[in-house]
Amino acid sequence: MNNKMSICPICHTSFPAVGRKKYCSDKCRYVAYKRRLRLDRQLDGKCPQCGKLYDGPLGTYKNKTSYCSHCQKYYHNRYISIK
C-alpha cells in the first residue's frame, strides 16, 4: 500500500500520490493551465486575456500587464462605466 502524499502547487493541500498526478483536483489543474496559457501569451506579445496580437504599447508601469484594445473596451464597458 502506497502512503506517499503530494502537495498541490495551486492550493497547497496534500493528497495521495497516485501515478503522475500533480494536482489535487480538476479545478486546480484547470487553474494551472490558465496561468500557463496567460504567461505564454504575455511572453509572445499577445493579449493575455484573448490571445490576439497586442495592438498598442506594452505596459511599462511596474511591469503592468497590457491588454488589447478589444479587451480594454470590454472591461471598461463592463466594470467602469456602470459606476
Protein backbone atom coordinates (compact mmCIF):
# COMPACT_ATOMS: atom_id res chain seq x y z
CA MET A 1 0.00 0.00 0.00
CA ASN A 2 1.32 3.42 -1.01
CA ASN A 3 1.15 6.03 1.77
CA LYS A 4 3.02 8.77 -0.10
CA MET A 5 1.40 12.18 -0.14
CA SER A 6 1.88 15.02 -2.60
CA ILE A 7 1.19 18.72 -2.18
CA CYS A 8 -0.86 20.56 -4.79
CA PRO A 9 1.14 23.53 -6.21
CA ILE A 10 -2.06 25.61 -6.60
CA CYS A 11 -3.99 25.26 -3.33
CA HIS A 12 -1.20 23.72 -1.20
CA THR A 13 -3.33 20.86 0.12
CA SER A 14 -1.96 17.37 0.49
CA PHE A 15 -3.44 14.45 -1.45
CA PRO A 16 -2.48 10.81 -2.04
CA ALA A 17 0.20 10.46 -4.73
CA VAL A 18 -1.23 8.28 -7.48
CA GLY A 19 0.78 7.81 -10.67
CA ARG A 20 1.92 11.10 -12.20
CA LYS A 21 -0.92 13.12 -10.71
CA LYS A 22 0.34 16.63 -9.94
CA TYR A 23 -2.83 18.46 -8.82
CA CYS A 24 -5.39 17.53 -6.20
CA SER A 25 -8.45 18.20 -8.38
CA ASP A 26 -9.57 19.09 -11.88
CA LYS A 27 -10.22 22.64 -10.66
CA CYS A 28 -6.57 23.11 -9.63
CA ARG A 29 -5.38 21.51 -12.88
CA TYR A 30 -7.52 23.96 -14.86
CA VAL A 31 -6.24 26.96 -12.85
CA ALA A 32 -2.64 25.90 -13.57
CA TYR A 33 -3.44 25.51 -17.27
CA LYS A 34 -4.98 29.00 -17.46
CA ARG A 35 -1.96 30.52 -15.66
CA ARG A 36 0.45 28.87 -18.11
CA LEU A 37 -1.67 29.98 -21.05
CA ARG A 38 -1.76 33.62 -19.90
CA LEU A 39 2.01 33.64 -19.26
CA ASP A 40 2.78 32.11 -22.67
CA ARG A 41 0.56 34.67 -24.39
CA GLN A 42 2.17 37.52 -22.48
CA LEU A 43 5.68 36.35 -23.38
CA ASP A 44 4.67 36.11 -27.06
CA GLY A 45 3.48 39.75 -27.06
CA LYS A 46 -0.18 38.81 -27.25
CA CYS A 47 -3.12 39.88 -25.13
CA PRO A 48 -3.13 37.56 -22.10
CA GLN A 49 -6.93 37.55 -22.00
CA CYS A 50 -7.94 36.67 -25.57
CA GLY A 51 -4.66 35.75 -27.31
CA LYS A 52 -4.96 38.29 -30.13
CA LEU A 53 -1.92 40.26 -31.20
CA TYR A 54 -1.42 43.22 -28.92
CA ASP A 55 -2.16 46.44 -30.78
CA GLY A 56 -0.65 49.09 -28.52
CA PRO A 57 2.45 49.97 -26.49
CA LEU A 58 3.47 47.46 -23.85
CA GLY A 59 2.75 48.44 -20.25
CA THR A 60 5.83 49.84 -18.61
CA TYR A 61 4.45 51.00 -15.27
CA LYS A 62 5.79 48.43 -12.79
CA ASN A 63 5.58 45.73 -15.48
CA LYS A 64 1.82 46.13 -15.56
CA THR A 65 0.03 43.66 -17.84
CA SER A 66 -1.23 45.19 -21.09
CA TYR A 67 -4.37 44.12 -22.90
CA CYS A 68 -5.57 44.61 -26.48
CA SER A 69 -7.98 47.43 -27.26
CA HIS A 70 -10.92 45.00 -27.53
CA CYS A 71 -10.35 43.62 -24.01
CA GLN A 72 -9.75 47.11 -22.61
CA LYS A 73 -13.02 48.31 -24.12
CA TYR A 74 -14.87 45.25 -22.81
CA TYR A 75 -13.50 45.80 -19.29
CA HIS A 76 -14.37 49.49 -19.38
CA ASN A 77 -17.93 48.87 -20.60
CA ARG A 78 -18.49 46.01 -18.17
CA TYR A 79 -16.98 47.38 -14.97
CA ILE A 80 -16.03 51.06 -15.16
CA SER A 81 -18.97 52.66 -16.97
CA ILE A 82 -21.52 51.03 -14.62
CA LYS A 83 -20.50 53.26 -11.73
